[in-house]
C-alpha atoms as a PDB file:
ATOM      1  CA  TYR A   1     -47.312  72.137-141.453  1.00  0.00           C
ATOM      2  CA  ARG A   2     -43.922  73.691-141.664  1.00  0.00           C
ATOM      3  CA  ILE A   3     -41.226  73.605-144.311  1.00  0.00           C
ATOM      4  CA  PHE A   4     -37.602  73.600-143.185  1.00  0.00           C
ATOM      5  CA  THR A   5     -34.400  73.938-145.221  1.00  0.00           C
ATOM      6  CA  GLY A   6     -32.265  70.897-145.302  1.00  0.00           C
ATOM      7  CA  LYS A   7     -29.056  72.834-146.053  1.00  0.00           C
ATOM      8  CA  LYS A   8     -27.864  76.341-146.705  1.00  0.00           C
ATOM      9  CA  LEU A   9     -29.384  77.904-149.800  1.00  0.00           C
ATOM     10  CA  ASP A  10     -27.314  79.713-152.417  1.00  0.00           C
ATOM     11  CA  ARG A  11     -29.327  82.084-154.567  1.00  0.00           C
ATOM     12  CA  GLU A  12     -26.502  82.369-157.089  1.00  0.00           C
ATOM     13  CA  LYS A  13     -26.779  78.595-157.726  1.00  0.00           C
ATOM     14  CA  THR A  14     -30.545  78.200-157.457  1.00  0.00           C
ATOM     15  CA  ALA A  15     -32.660  81.316-157.324  1.00  0.00           C
ATOM     16  CA  GLN A  16     -35.929  79.501-156.606  1.00  0.00           C
ATOM     17  CA  HIS A  17     -37.157  76.103-155.529  1.00  0.00           C
ATOM     18  CA  ARG A  18     -40.439  74.344-156.378  1.00  0.00           C
ATOM     19  CA  VAL A  19     -41.923  72.215-153.610  1.00  0.00           C
ATOM     20  CA  VAL A  20     -45.011  69.987-154.054  1.00  0.00           C
ATOM     21  CA  LEU A  21     -46.983  69.312-150.877  1.00  0.00           C
ATOM     22  CA  PHE A  22     -49.134  66.224-150.574  1.00  0.00           C
ATOM     23  CA  CYS A  23     -51.854  65.995-147.949  1.00  0.00           C
ATOM     24  CA  TRP A  24     -54.121  62.963-147.247  1.00  0.00           C
ATOM     25  CA  ASP A  25     -56.500  61.791-144.594  1.00  0.00           C
ATOM     26  CA  TYR A  26     -57.025  58.505-142.854  1.00  0.00           C
ATOM     27  CA  GLY A  27     -60.632  58.040-143.929  1.00  0.00           C
ATOM     28  CA  TYR A  28     -62.252  54.623-144.204  1.00  0.00           C
ATOM     29  CA  PRO A  29     -62.912  52.822-146.332  1.00  0.00           C
ATOM     30  CA  ALA A  30     -60.977  55.184-148.729  1.00  0.00           C
ATOM     31  CA  SER A  31     -58.266  57.790-147.999  1.00  0.00           C
ATOM     32  CA  LEU A  32     -58.609  61.129-149.725  1.00  0.00           C
ATOM     33  CA  ASN A  33     -55.658  63.373-150.722  1.00  0.00           C
ATOM     34  CA  THR A  34     -54.724  66.609-152.425  1.00  0.00           C
ATOM     35  CA  SER A  35     -51.464  68.377-153.531  1.00  0.00           C
ATOM     36  CA  ARG A  36     -50.217  71.948-153.936  1.00  0.00           C
ATOM     37  CA  GLU A  37     -47.060  73.308-155.583  1.00  0.00           C
ATOM     38  CA  ILE A  38     -45.216  76.015-153.688  1.00  0.00           C
ATOM     39  CA  VAL A  39     -42.487  78.230-155.271  1.00  0.00           C
ATOM     40  CA  ILE A  40     -39.820  79.333-152.822  1.00  0.00           C
ATOM     41  CA  ARG A  41     -37.785  82.302-153.998  1.00  0.00           C
ATOM     42  CA  VAL A  42     -34.378  82.706-152.362  1.00  0.00           C
ATOM     43  CA  LEU A  43     -33.701  86.299-151.324  1.00  0.00           C
ATOM     44  CA  ASP A  44     -30.284  87.749-152.097  1.00  0.00           C
ATOM     45  CA  ILE A  45     -27.738  88.806-149.525  1.00  0.00           C
ATOM     46  CA  ASN A  46     -24.533  90.622-150.410  1.00  0.00           C
ATOM     47  CA  ASP A  47     -22.202  87.640-150.190  1.00  0.00           C
ATOM     48  CA  ASN A  48     -20.275  88.070-153.472  1.00  0.00           C
ATOM     49  CA  ILE A  49     -17.644  90.679-154.199  1.00  0.00           C
ATOM     50  CA  PRO A  50     -17.463  92.328-157.613  1.00  0.00           C
ATOM     51  CA  ASN A  51     -14.880  90.577-159.786  1.00  0.00           C
ATOM     52  CA  PHE A  52     -12.863  92.311-162.504  1.00  0.00           C
ATOM     53  CA  LEU A  53     -12.688  90.436-165.784  1.00  0.00           C
ATOM     54  CA  GLN A  54      -8.910  90.988-165.706  1.00  0.00           C
ATOM     55  CA  SER A  55      -6.532  91.287-162.793  1.00  0.00           C
ATOM     56  CA  SER A  56      -4.690  94.125-164.576  1.00  0.00           C
ATOM     57  CA  TYR A  57      -5.285  96.520-167.452  1.00  0.00           C
ATOM     58  CA  SER A  58      -2.754  98.402-169.548  1.00  0.00           C
ATOM     59  CA  ALA A  59      -2.789 100.891-172.398  1.00  0.00           C
ATOM     60  CA  ASP A  60      -0.334 102.977-174.408  1.00  0.00           C
ATOM     61  CA  VAL A  61      -0.986 106.686-174.852  1.00  0.00           C
ATOM     62  CA  GLU A  62       1.124 108.881-177.110  1.00  0.00           C
ATOM     63  CA  GLU A  63       2.263 112.129-175.524  1.00  0.00           C
ATOM     64  CA  ASN A  64       0.520 115.325-176.649  1.00  0.00           C
ATOM     65  CA  ASN A  65      -2.714 113.314-176.697  1.00  0.00           C
ATOM     66  CA  ASN A  66      -6.118 114.927-176.977  1.00  0.00           C
ATOM     67  CA  GLU A  67      -7.557 116.029-173.662  1.00  0.00           C
ATOM     68  CA  GLY A  68     -10.679 114.017-172.834  1.00  0.00           C
ATOM     69  CA  SER A  69      -9.770 111.045-175.023  1.00  0.00           C
ATOM     70  CA  ALA A  70     -10.693 107.535-173.824  1.00  0.00           C
ATOM     71  CA  VAL A  71      -7.673 105.542-172.626  1.00  0.00           C
ATOM     72  CA  LEU A  72      -9.137 102.151-171.644  1.00  0.00           C
ATOM     73  CA  LYS A  73     -12.172 100.498-170.052  1.00  0.00           C
ATOM     74  CA  VAL A  74     -12.233  98.315-166.955  1.00  0.00           C
ATOM     75  CA  SER A  75     -15.085  95.905-166.330  1.00  0.00           C
ATOM     76  CA  ALA A  76     -16.280  93.906-163.339  1.00  0.00           C
ATOM     77  CA  VAL A  77     -19.268  91.667-162.610  1.00  0.00           C
ATOM     78  CA  ASP A  78     -21.146  90.861-159.404  1.00  0.00           C
ATOM     79  CA  ILE A  79     -23.359  87.748-159.365  1.00  0.00           C
ATOM     80  CA  ASP A  80     -25.567  89.114-156.630  1.00  0.00           C
ATOM     81  CA  GLU A  81     -28.723  90.956-157.663  1.00  0.00           C
ATOM     82  CA  GLY A  82     -30.255  94.368-157.275  1.00  0.00           C
ATOM     83  CA  PRO A  83     -28.159  96.999-155.528  1.00  0.00           C
ATOM     84  CA  ASN A  84     -25.851  94.228-154.340  1.00  0.00           C
ATOM     85  CA  ALA A  85     -24.879  93.709-157.993  1.00  0.00           C
ATOM     86  CA  GLU A  86     -24.735  97.352-159.064  1.00  0.00           C
ATOM     87  CA  ILE A  87     -21.106  98.384-159.485  1.00  0.00           C
ATOM     88  CA  THR A  88     -19.480 101.761-159.012  1.00  0.00           C
ATOM     89  CA  TYR A  89     -15.932 102.289-160.310  1.00  0.00           C
ATOM     90  CA  SER A  90     -13.382 104.562-158.650  1.00  0.00           C
ATOM     91  CA  ILE A  91      -9.646 105.204-158.432  1.00  0.00           C
ATOM     92  CA  GLU A  92      -8.093 103.919-155.214  1.00  0.00           C
ATOM     93  CA  ASP A  93      -6.964 106.852-153.102  1.00  0.00           C
ATOM     94  CA  ASP A  94      -4.572 104.868-150.901  1.00  0.00           C
ATOM     95  CA  ILE A  95      -1.613 105.389-153.238  1.00  0.00           C
ATOM     96  CA  SER A  96       1.323 107.795-153.031  1.00  0.00           C
ATOM     97  CA  ASN A  97       0.700 109.354-156.451  1.00  0.00           C
ATOM     98  CA  PHE A  98      -3.059 109.755-156.020  1.00  0.00           C
ATOM     99  CA  ASP A  99      -3.060 113.517-156.621  1.00  0.00           C
ATOM    100  CA  ASP A 100      -1.051 113.117-159.809  1.00  0.00           C
ATOM    101  CA  VAL A 101      -3.316 110.339-161.060  1.00  0.00           C
ATOM    102  CA  LEU A 102      -6.463 112.286-160.171  1.00  0.00           C
ATOM    103  CA  SER A 103      -5.214 115.356-162.049  1.00  0.00           C
ATOM    104  CA  SER A 104      -4.370 113.201-165.070  1.00  0.00           C
ATOM    105  CA  PHE A 105      -7.360 110.853-165.397  1.00  0.00           C
ATOM    106  CA  THR A 106     -11.063 110.662-164.756  1.00  0.00           C
ATOM    107  CA  LEU A 107     -12.913 107.341-164.388  1.00  0.00           C
ATOM    108  CA  ASP A 108     -16.562 107.003-165.366  1.00  0.00           C
ATOM    109  CA  GLN A 109     -18.183 105.529-162.243  1.00  0.00           C
ATOM    110  CA  THR A 110     -20.823 103.662-164.227  1.00  0.00           C
ATOM    111  CA  THR A 111     -19.105 102.432-167.390  1.00  0.00           C
ATOM    112  CA  GLY A 112     -15.542 102.018-166.069  1.00  0.00           C
ATOM    113  CA  THR A 113     -14.102 104.050-168.966  1.00  0.00           C
ATOM    114  CA  LEU A 114     -10.874 105.890-168.129  1.00  0.00           C
ATOM    115  CA  TYR A 115     -10.343 109.272-169.794  1.00  0.00           C
ATOM    116  CA  ALA A 116      -7.283 111.524-170.050  1.00  0.00           C
ATOM    117  CA  LYS A 117      -7.788 114.875-168.329  1.00  0.00           C
ATOM    118  CA  ARG A 118      -4.675 116.538-169.751  1.00  0.00           C
ATOM    119  CA  HIS A 119      -1.908 116.340-172.333  1.00  0.00           C
ATOM    120  CA  PHE A 120       0.937 114.032-171.338  1.00  0.00           C
ATOM    121  CA  ASP A 121       4.657 114.695-171.741  1.00  0.00           C
ATOM    122  CA  TYR A 122       6.868 111.637-172.132  1.00  0.00           C
ATOM    123  CA  GLU A 123       9.957 113.580-171.070  1.00  0.00           C
ATOM    124  CA  THR A 124       8.235 114.388-167.742  1.00  0.00           C
ATOM    125  CA  THR A 125       6.253 111.214-166.983  1.00  0.00           C
ATOM    126  CA  LYS A 126       6.800 107.892-168.727  1.00  0.00           C
ATOM    127  CA  TYR A 127       4.052 105.836-167.071  1.00  0.00           C
ATOM    128  CA  PHE A 128       1.257 105.806-164.467  1.00  0.00           C
ATOM    129  CA  LYS A 129       0.575 102.867-162.171  1.00  0.00           C
ATOM    130  CA  PHE A 130      -2.489 102.764-159.894  1.00  0.00           C
ATOM    131  CA  PHE A 131      -5.458 100.637-158.782  1.00  0.00           C
ATOM    132  CA  VAL A 132      -9.139 100.993-159.621  1.00  0.00           C
ATOM    133  CA  LEU A 133     -11.923  99.748-157.359  1.00  0.00           C
ATOM    134  CA  ALA A 134     -15.212  98.059-158.205  1.00  0.00           C
ATOM    135  CA  THR A 135     -17.662  98.516-155.309  1.00  0.00           C
ATOM    136  CA  ASP A 136     -21.244  97.252-155.112  1.00  0.00           C
ATOM    137  CA  ASN A 137     -24.128  99.420-153.872  1.00  0.00           C
ATOM    138  CA  ALA A 138     -25.309  97.281-150.960  1.00  0.00           C
ATOM    139  CA  GLN A 139     -25.585 100.420-148.843  1.00  0.00           C
ATOM    140  CA  LYS A 140     -28.733 101.340-150.779  1.00  0.00           C
ATOM    141  CA  ILE A 141     -30.574  98.536-149.000  1.00  0.00           C
ATOM    142  CA  GLY A 142     -28.780  98.843-145.698  1.00  0.00           C
ATOM    143  CA  GLY A 143     -26.016  96.371-146.419  1.00  0.00           C
ATOM    144  CA  LYS A 144     -22.238  96.646-146.261  1.00  0.00           C
ATOM    145  CA  PRO A 145     -20.630  97.276-149.662  1.00  0.00           C
ATOM    146  CA  LEU A 146     -18.013  94.863-150.944  1.00  0.00           C
ATOM    147  CA  SER A 147     -15.230  95.759-153.367  1.00  0.00           C
ATOM    148  CA  SER A 148     -12.248  94.440-155.296  1.00  0.00           C
ATOM    149  CA  LYS A 149      -9.436  96.130-157.185  1.00  0.00           C
ATOM    150  CA  ALA A 150      -7.425  95.770-160.369  1.00  0.00           C
ATOM    151  CA  LEU A 151      -4.084  97.180-161.412  1.00  0.00           C
ATOM    152  CA  VAL A 152      -3.954  99.804-164.183  1.00  0.00           C
ATOM    153  CA  ILE A 153      -0.754 100.699-166.031  1.00  0.00           C
ATOM    154  CA  ILE A 154      -0.705 103.556-168.545  1.00  0.00           C
ATOM    155  CA  ASN A 155       2.460 103.827-170.624  1.00  0.00           C
ATOM    156  CA  ILE A 156       3.173 107.207-172.211  1.00  0.00           C
ATOM    157  CA  GLN A 157       4.676 106.837-175.669  1.00  0.00           C
ATOM    158  CA  ASP A 158       7.315 109.224-176.950  1.00  0.00           C
ATOM    159  CA  ALA A 159       6.578 111.487-179.913  1.00  0.00           C
ATOM    160  CA  ASN A 160       8.867 113.740-181.888  1.00  0.00           C
ATOM    161  CA  ASP A 161       7.932 116.911-180.044  1.00  0.00           C
ATOM    162  CA  GLU A 162      11.358 118.225-179.054  1.00  0.00           C
ATOM    163  CA  SER A 163      13.434 120.180-181.552  1.00  0.00           C
ATOM    164  CA  PRO A 164      17.223 119.865-181.693  1.00  0.00           C
ATOM    165  CA  LYS A 165      18.919 122.618-179.701  1.00  0.00           C
ATOM    166  CA  PHE A 166      22.372 124.074-180.097  1.00  0.00           C
ATOM    167  CA  SER A 167      24.214 124.724-176.850  1.00  0.00           C
ATOM    168  CA  LYS A 168      24.549 128.377-177.929  1.00  0.00           C
ATOM    169  CA  ASP A 169      22.685 130.696-180.245  1.00  0.00           C
ATOM    170  CA  ARG A 170      26.011 132.048-181.498  1.00  0.00           C
ATOM    171  CA  TYR A 171      29.458 130.487-181.706  1.00  0.00           C
ATOM    172  CA  GLU A 172      32.707 132.339-182.372  1.00  0.00           C
ATOM    173  CA  PHE A 173      35.895 130.613-183.496  1.00  0.00           C
ATOM    174  CA  THR A 174      39.302 131.820-184.657  1.00  0.00           C
ATOM    175  CA  ILE A 175      41.670 130.297-187.182  1.00  0.00           C
ATOM    176  CA  SER A 176      44.976 131.486-188.563  1.00  0.00           C
ATOM    177  CA  GLU A 177      45.084 132.396-192.215  1.00  0.00           C
ATOM    178  CA  ASN A 178      47.060 130.026-194.444  1.00  0.00           C
ATOM    179  CA  ALA A 179      46.195 127.102-192.149  1.00  0.00           C
ATOM    180  CA  PRO A 180      46.183 123.865-194.159  1.00  0.00           C
ATOM    181  CA  MET A 181      43.000 122.606-195.770  1.00  0.00           C
ATOM    182  CA  LYS A 182      40.893 120.368-193.432  1.00  0.00           C
ATOM    183  CA  THR A 183      42.034 122.259-190.335  1.00  0.00           C
ATOM    184  CA  GLU A 184      39.423 121.885-187.590  1.00  0.00           C
ATOM    185  CA  VAL A 185      37.783 125.199-186.733  1.00  0.00           C
ATOM    186  CA  GLY A 186      35.458 124.132-183.906  1.00  0.00           C
ATOM    187  CA  VAL A 187      32.812 121.695-182.710  1.00  0.00           C
ATOM    188  CA  LEU A 188      29.112 122.451-182.205  1.00  0.00           C
ATOM    189  CA  GLN A 189      27.143 120.852-179.352  1.00  0.00           C
ATOM    190  CA  VAL A 190      23.579 119.892-180.253  1.00  0.00           C
ATOM    191  CA  THR A 191      21.064 117.886-178.201  1.00  0.00           C
ATOM    192  CA  ASP A 192      17.510 116.633-178.651  1.00  0.00           C
ATOM    193  CA  ALA A 193      15.424 116.019-175.515  1.00  0.00           C
ATOM    194  CA  ASP A 194      13.401 113.231-177.143  1.00  0.00           C
ATOM    195  CA  GLU A 195      14.528 109.921-175.666  1.00  0.00           C
ATOM    196  CA  THR A 196      13.436 107.562-178.421  1.00  0.00           C
ATOM    197  CA  ALA A 197      16.379 107.086-180.781  1.00  0.00           C
ATOM    198  CA  LYS A 198      14.508 107.666-184.016  1.00  0.00           C
ATOM    199  CA  PHE A 199      13.139 110.983-182.713  1.00  0.00           C
ATOM    200  CA  SER A 200      16.433 112.282-181.297  1.00  0.00           C
ATOM    201  CA  ARG A 201      18.464 111.833-184.483  1.00  0.00           C
ATOM    202  CA  PHE A 202      19.281 114.946-186.480  1.00  0.00           C
ATOM    203  CA  ASN A 203      21.505 116.243-189.254  1.00  0.00           C
ATOM    204  CA  LEU A 204      23.422 119.515-189.314  1.00  0.00           C
ATOM    205  CA  THR A 205      23.603 121.646-192.435  1.00  0.00           C
ATOM    206  CA  ILE A 206      24.936 125.055-193.466  1.00  0.00           C
ATOM    207  CA  GLU A 207      21.866 126.910-194.679  1.00  0.00           C
ATOM    208  CA  SER A 208      23.658 130.068-195.774  1.00  0.00           C
ATOM    209  CA  SER A 209      26.970 131.829-195.393  1.00  0.00           C
ATOM    210  CA  PHE A 210      28.833 135.039-195.979  1.00  0.00           C
ATOM    211  CA  PRO A 211      30.850 135.198-198.156  1.00  0.00           C
ATOM    212  CA  PRO A 212      27.951 133.530-200.063  1.00  0.00           C
ATOM    213  CA  SER A 213      29.465 130.373-201.487  1.00  0.00           C
ATOM    214  CA  SER A 214      27.859 127.023-200.711  1.00  0.00           C
ATOM    215  CA  SER A 215      27.836 123.364-201.662  1.00  0.00           C
ATOM    216  CA  SER A 216      24.774 121.767-203.209  1.00  0.00           C
ATOM    217  CA  ASP A 217      24.066 119.394-200.292  1.00  0.00           C
ATOM    218  CA  GLY A 218      24.224 122.003-197.532  1.00  0.00           C
ATOM    219  CA  SER A 219      27.256 120.442-195.894  1.00  0.00           C
ATOM    220  CA  GLY A 220      29.686 123.158-196.955  1.00  0.00           C
ATOM    221  CA  SER A 221      30.035 126.888-197.495  1.00  0.00           C
ATOM    222  CA  GLY A 222      32.827 126.868-200.064  1.00  0.00           C
ATOM    223  CA  PHE A 223      35.305 127.727-197.326  1.00  0.00           C
ATOM    224  CA  PHE A 224      34.102 125.348-194.600  1.00  0.00           C
ATOM    225  CA  GLN A 225      32.726 121.828-194.309  1.00  0.00           C
ATOM    226  CA  LEU A 226      30.276 120.687-191.601  1.00  0.00           C
ATOM    227  CA  GLU A 227      30.074 117.073-190.468  1.00  0.00           C
ATOM    228  CA  PRO A 228      26.279 116.398-190.284  1.00  0.00           C
ATOM    229  CA  GLN A 229      26.345 114.183-187.163  1.00  0.00           C
ATOM    230  CA  THR A 230      29.328 115.273-185.070  1.00  0.00           C
ATOM    231  CA  GLY A 231      29.077 119.037-185.619  1.00  0.00           C
ATOM    232  CA  VAL A 232      32.778 119.386-186.513  1.00  0.00           C
ATOM    233  CA  ILE A 233      33.608 122.346-188.773  1.00  0.00           C
ATOM    234  CA  TRP A 234      36.796 122.280-190.825  1.00  0.00           C
ATOM    235  CA  THR A 235      38.287 124.287-193.654  1.00  0.00           C
ATOM    236  CA  THR A 236      38.050 123.200-197.285  1.00  0.00           C
ATOM    237  CA  ARG A 237      40.813 125.571-198.425  1.00  0.00           C
ATOM    238  CA  THR A 238      43.435 127.901-197.001  1.00  0.00           C
ATOM    239  CA  LEU A 239      41.952 131.179-195.833  1.00  0.00           C
ATOM    240  CA  ASP A 240      43.256 134.640-196.643  1.00  0.00           C
ATOM    241  CA  ARG A 241      42.580 137.276-194.016  1.00  0.00           C
ATOM    242  CA  GLU A 242      43.295 140.022-196.478  1.00  0.00           C
ATOM    243  CA  GLN A 243      40.467 138.664-198.650  1.00  0.00           C
ATOM    244  CA  TYR A 244      37.917 137.892-195.894  1.00  0.00           C
ATOM    245  CA  ALA A 245      38.733 138.639-192.273  1.00  0.00           C
ATOM    246  CA  VAL A 246      35.404 137.278-190.948  1.00  0.00           C
ATOM    247  CA  HIS A 247      33.133 134.467-192.151  1.00  0.00           C
ATOM    248  CA  HIS A 248      29.500 133.996-191.123  1.00  0.00           C
ATOM    249  CA  LEU A 249      27.703 130.644-191.197  1.00  0.00           C
ATOM    250  CA  TRP A 250      24.008 130.086-190.449  1.00  0.00           C
ATOM    251  CA  LEU A 251      23.405 126.493-189.411  1.00  0.00           C
ATOM    252  CA  VAL A 252      20.319 124.303-188.984  1.00  0.00           C
ATOM    253  CA  ALA A 253      19.946 121.088-186.954  1.00  0.00           C
ATOM    254  CA  ARG A 254      16.929 119.182-188.308  1.00  0.00           C
ATOM    255  CA  ASN A 255      15.308 115.930-187.120  1.00  0.00           C
ATOM    256  CA  THR A 256      15.465 112.936-189.441  1.00  0.00           C
ATOM    257  CA  ALA A 257      11.917 111.885-188.445  1.00  0.00           C
ATOM    258  CA  SER A 258       8.618 113.626-189.091  1.00  0.00           C
ATOM    259  CA  PRO A 259       7.605 116.333-188.278  1.00  0.00           C
ATOM    260  CA  TYR A 260      11.258 117.347-188.882  1.00  0.00           C
ATOM    261  CA  LEU A 261      11.692 119.867-186.086  1.00  0.00           C
ATOM    262  CA  SER A 262      14.752 122.083-186.214  1.00  0.00           C
ATOM    263  CA  GLY A 263      16.993 124.512-184.339  1.00  0.00           C
ATOM    264  CA  THR A 264      19.352 127.193-185.624  1.00  0.00           C
ATOM    265  CA  ALA A 265      22.667 128.793-184.704  1.00  0.00           C
ATOM    266  CA  HIS A 266      24.995 131.483-186.050  1.00  0.00           C
ATOM    267  CA  VAL A 267      28.713 130.761-186.373  1.00  0.00           C
ATOM    268  CA  ILE A 268      31.308 133.538-186.737  1.00  0.00           C
ATOM    269  CA  VAL A 269      34.833 132.579-187.805  1.00  0.00           C
ATOM    270  CA  HIS A 270      37.551 135.178-187.283  1.00  0.00           C
ATOM    271  CA  VAL A 271      40.625 134.757-189.467  1.00  0.00           C
ATOM    272  CA  THR A 272      43.789 135.881-187.663  1.00  0.00           C
ATOM    273  CA  ASP A 273      46.696 137.500-189.451  1.00  0.00           C
ATOM    274  CA  THR A 274      50.039 136.012-190.380  1.00  0.00           C
ATOM    275  CA  ASN A 275      52.921 138.004-191.879  1.00  0.00           C
ATOM    276  CA  ASP A 276      52.373 136.819-195.433  1.00  0.00           C
ATOM    277  CA  ASN A 277      52.454 140.134-197.301  1.00  0.00           C
ATOM    278  CA  ALA A 278      55.585 142.145-198.186  1.00  0.00           C
ATOM    279  CA  PRO A 279      55.430 145.933-197.843  1.00  0.00           C
ATOM    280  CA  LEU A 280      54.525 147.765-201.049  1.00  0.00           C
ATOM    281  CA  ILE A 281      56.299 151.081-201.749  1.00  0.00           C
ATOM    282  CA  GLU A 282      53.898 153.474-203.433  1.00  0.00           C
ATOM    283  CA  TYR A 283      56.352 156.387-203.656  1.00  0.00           C
ATOM    284  CA  PRO A 284      58.845 156.586-205.179  1.00  0.00           C
ATOM    285  CA  SER A 285      57.561 154.381-207.976  1.00  0.00           C
ATOM    286  CA  HIS A 286      58.805 153.346-211.381  1.00  0.00           C
ATOM    287  CA  ASP A 287      56.861 156.229-212.886  1.00  0.00           C
ATOM    288  CA  ASN A 288      57.630 158.815-210.244  1.00  0.00           C
ATOM    289  CA  TYR A 289      61.030 158.638-208.586  1.00  0.00           C
ATOM    290  CA  THR A 290      62.517 162.162-209.132  1.00  0.00           C
ATOM    291  CA  VAL A 291      62.831 164.789-206.387  1.00  0.00           C
ATOM    292  CA  HIS A 292      63.792 168.377-207.176  1.00  0.00           C
ATOM    293  CA  VAL A 293      65.829 170.003-204.425  1.00  0.00           C
ATOM    294  CA  ASP A 294      66.529 173.716-203.931  1.00  0.00           C
ATOM    295  CA  CYS A 295      70.256 174.215-203.598  1.00  0.00           C
ATOM    296  CA  ALA A 296      69.648 176.736-200.836  1.00  0.00           C
ATOM    297  CA  LEU A 297      68.158 174.159-198.474  1.00  0.00           C
ATOM    298  CA  GLU A 298      69.874 173.811-195.162  1.00  0.00           C
ATOM    299  CA  PRO A 299      71.182 170.396-194.033  1.00  0.00           C
ATOM    300  CA  GLY A 300      68.459 168.359-192.288  1.00  0.00           C
ATOM    301  CA  ALA A 301      65.656 169.867-194.313  1.00  0.00           C
ATOM    302  CA  PRO A 302      63.157 167.227-195.537  1.00  0.00           C
ATOM    303  CA  VAL A 303      62.981 166.802-199.283  1.00  0.00           C
ATOM    304  CA  ALA A 304      60.544 163.890-199.681  1.00  0.00           C
ATOM    305  CA  ARG A 305      58.503 161.251-197.855  1.00  0.00           C
ATOM    306  CA  ILE A 306      58.475 157.588-198.702  1.00  0.00           C
ATOM    307  CA  ARG A 307      54.927 156.179-198.880  1.00  0.00           C
ATOM    308  CA  ALA A 308      54.472 152.470-198.301  1.00  0.00           C
ATOM    309  CA  ARG A 309      51.769 150.102-197.069  1.00  0.00           C
ATOM    310  CA  ASP A 310      51.449 146.518-195.857  1.00  0.00           C
ATOM    311  CA  ALA A 311      48.228 144.503-196.281  1.00  0.00           C
ATOM    312  CA  ASP A 312      48.858 142.613-193.054  1.00  0.00           C
ATOM    313  CA  LEU A 313      47.552 143.625-189.653  1.00  0.00           C
ATOM    314  CA  GLY A 314      49.019 145.048-186.450  1.00  0.00           C
ATOM    315  CA  GLU A 315      52.734 144.455-185.932  1.00  0.00           C
ATOM    316  CA  ASN A 316      52.840 142.571-189.199  1.00  0.00           C
ATOM    317  CA  ALA A 317      51.888 145.820-190.954  1.00  0.00           C
ATOM    318  CA  SER A 318      54.274 148.079-188.950  1.00  0.00           C
ATOM    319  CA  LEU A 319      56.980 149.452-191.271  1.00  0.00           C
ATOM    320  CA  ASP A 320      60.562 150.604-190.753  1.00  0.00           C
ATOM    321  CA  TYR A 321      62.253 152.750-193.402  1.00  0.00           C
ATOM    322  CA  SER A 322      65.963 152.691-194.331  1.00  0.00           C
ATOM    323  CA  VAL A 323      68.286 153.251-197.313  1.00  0.00           C
ATOM    324  CA  ALA A 324      69.097 149.964-198.982  1.00  0.00           C
ATOM    325  CA  LYS A 325      71.994 151.254-201.131  1.00  0.00           C
ATOM    326  CA  GLY A 326      73.342 154.331-202.960  1.00  0.00           C
ATOM    327  CA  ASN A 327      74.042 156.410-199.854  1.00  0.00           C
ATOM    328  CA  GLU A 328      77.682 155.500-199.413  1.00  0.00           C
ATOM    329  CA  LEU A 329      78.591 159.175-198.969  1.00  0.00           C
ATOM    330  CA  GLY A 330      75.928 159.694-196.348  1.00  0.00           C
ATOM    331  CA  LEU A 331      74.294 162.611-198.160  1.00  0.00           C
ATOM    332  CA  ILE A 332      70.735 161.729-197.122  1.00  0.00           C
ATOM    333  CA  GLU A 333      68.996 160.525-194.020  1.00  0.00           C
ATOM    334  CA  VAL A 334      65.732 158.562-193.736  1.00  0.00           C
ATOM    335  CA  ASP A 335      63.478 158.716-190.678  1.00  0.00           C
ATOM    336  CA  GLY A 336      62.986 155.030-189.913  1.00  0.00           C
ATOM    337  CA  LYS A 337      59.454 155.449-188.593  1.00  0.00           C
ATOM    338  CA  ARG A 338      57.962 158.237-190.664  1.00  0.00           C
ATOM    339  CA  GLY A 339      59.817 157.712-193.953  1.00  0.00           C
ATOM    340  CA  LEU A 340      60.957 161.349-194.187  1.00  0.00           C
ATOM    341  CA  VAL A 341      63.975 161.856-196.460  1.00  0.00           C
ATOM    342  CA  SER A 342      66.289 164.761-195.581  1.00  0.00           C
ATOM    343  CA  LEU A 343      69.730 166.030-196.680  1.00  0.00           C
END
């Protein structure tokens, strides 16, 4: 006898079939018979591709992550059996950024777990997009492997890892003395490379100053005020060059979000002179204004020198000497530059 299939068999639907054979003779006066059950096991062929449980996978990873940390796990099933159902996971190499992906991630071939191979920097790379493959092991039994793929998207999350930076380490500004209060001195440029708004916000403060006079909240130095967000510096009073010709401010830009990173800068303010001081005659003075002259002196001989000073600077402190009154007879002469008095 022979047994034939009546239709194509599908092992994944029915792995085995039970067939009962009946056999009888044509004896007379009675027919004899017997039966036997046969189990037919359907052998597997590799006719099913591995199927991922999801068509795409995604995960968020914060920058500055730990190297070697698990990112996500992909999973696929194959309803074949034996090597035809054993799955090996891999990263598809037919992508333009394969080298970058391979240097950034490693995929466990057996479990499908994706691990980070390095620390990520949000400011450099904001996401990765690639495909992973699930391939059966039909080649172990001489078959042709089948595979499928799923999309993987890894989003890098920003962290507060960039400190605020001044455009210069040192700024120098000039302002004229006696300028009105609230005169703008200069503007500081500060940036934070973090792109997430809450991480890129910062406040500016005056940490210390010379002359050492400061406000309680760090926004002022006694002579200057600093706008915490815009970086504008302005005066809080009129400045006197003769009191302080140079002011030093040490500033800090500090994040408003943890871990409160900061940057520093040094500001130098030069106060320029105005002609706001009258010359002061030191000699002759109210206590010493007498000159004794030898009657034998020849005309033109010097008998005294006027001493005077001016607290201003440069041309504003340059002095010219002359007789204001009392020399109607022209008995004395004064050297206009040196202040020498002669007969």
